[in-house]
């Protein structure tokens, strides 16, 4: 049970944290290798805000993402 004050706003931070935890899907870390020809897929990852690290190599990009299973499924279907 959470106590929240409508007058002072006390307890709202805990409430927001609880709502986020309840609604947020589990995030999974994956390491991907994308070729230079996969610019659309790479742009999608950045638009989703899931890229944690990215290194450009000779053949493309090594990308570390933290995403939900739903986002991973969407990416695979691009």
Protein backbone atom coordinates (compact mmCIF):
# COMPACT_ATOMS: atom_id res chain seq x y z
CA UNK A 1 0.00 0.00 0.00
CA UNK A 2 1.26 3.48 -0.86
CA UNK A 3 0.38 6.69 0.97
CA UNK A 4 0.07 9.77 -1.24
CA UNK A 5 -0.78 13.33 -0.26
CA UNK A 6 -2.93 15.34 -2.66
CA UNK A 7 -1.97 18.51 -0.81
CA UNK A 8 1.80 18.19 -0.69
CA UNK A 9 2.52 15.57 -3.32
CA UNK A 10 4.35 13.46 -0.76
CA UNK A 11 4.60 9.86 -1.87
CA UNK A 12 4.21 10.56 -5.59
CA UNK A 13 7.73 9.45 -6.45
CA UNK A 14 7.12 6.04 -4.89
CA UNK A 15 3.79 5.84 -6.72
CA UNK A 16 5.43 6.64 -10.07
CA UNK A 17 8.13 4.03 -9.42
CA UNK A 18 5.49 1.40 -8.61
CA UNK A 19 3.48 2.19 -11.76
CA UNK A 20 6.60 2.07 -13.93
CA UNK A 21 7.66 -1.26 -12.45
CA UNK A 22 4.20 -2.74 -12.97
CA UNK A 23 3.83 -1.57 -16.57
CA UNK A 24 7.40 -1.80 -17.83
CA UNK A 25 8.38 -4.99 -19.61
CA UNK A 26 11.56 -6.78 -18.68
CA UNK A 27 14.52 -5.39 -20.62
CA UNK A 28 17.04 -7.72 -22.19
CA UNK A 29 20.58 -6.84 -23.27
CA UNK A 30 21.63 -8.09 -26.70
CA UNK A 31 24.73 -7.58 -28.82
CA UNK A 32 23.99 -7.13 -32.51
CA UNK A 33 26.15 -6.82 -35.60
CA UNK A 34 24.68 -4.65 -38.33
CA UNK A 35 26.19 -4.21 -41.77
CA UNK A 36 26.46 -0.81 -43.42
CA UNK A 37 23.54 -1.85 -45.63
CA UNK A 38 21.24 -2.09 -42.58
CA UNK A 39 20.90 1.66 -42.00
CA UNK A 40 17.10 1.46 -41.66
CA UNK A 41 17.33 -1.13 -38.88
CA UNK A 42 20.08 0.84 -37.13
CA UNK A 43 18.00 4.04 -37.31
CA UNK A 44 15.01 2.19 -35.85
CA UNK A 45 17.11 1.10 -32.85
CA UNK A 46 18.14 4.70 -32.20
CA UNK A 47 14.56 5.96 -32.62
CA UNK A 48 13.43 3.44 -30.00
CA UNK A 49 16.12 4.66 -27.59
CA UNK A 50 17.42 1.15 -26.92
CA UNK A 51 21.06 1.60 -28.01
CA UNK A 52 23.45 1.48 -25.07
CA UNK A 53 26.71 1.29 -27.02
CA UNK A 54 27.81 1.29 -30.62
CA UNK A 55 31.19 0.77 -32.26
CA UNK A 56 31.88 1.12 -35.96
CA UNK A 57 34.11 -1.53 -37.49
CA UNK A 58 35.32 -2.43 -40.96
CA UNK A 59 32.16 -4.35 -41.87
CA UNK A 60 29.50 -2.40 -39.99
CA UNK A 61 28.42 -1.68 -36.44
CA UNK A 62 28.60 -3.66 -33.21
CA UNK A 63 25.56 -2.47 -31.27
CA UNK A 64 24.56 -3.24 -27.69
CA UNK A 65 20.86 -2.77 -27.05
CA UNK A 66 18.59 -3.03 -24.01
CA UNK A 67 15.06 -3.73 -25.20
CA UNK A 68 11.81 -5.46 -24.42
CA UNK A 69 10.81 -8.74 -26.07
CA UNK A 70 8.18 -6.76 -28.00
CA UNK A 71 10.83 -4.41 -29.40
CA UNK A 72 13.07 -7.34 -30.32
CA UNK A 73 10.19 -8.93 -32.21
CA UNK A 74 9.48 -5.67 -34.05
CA UNK A 75 13.15 -5.34 -34.98
CA UNK A 76 13.31 -8.88 -36.33
CA UNK A 77 10.34 -8.11 -38.58
CA UNK A 78 11.84 -4.95 -40.13
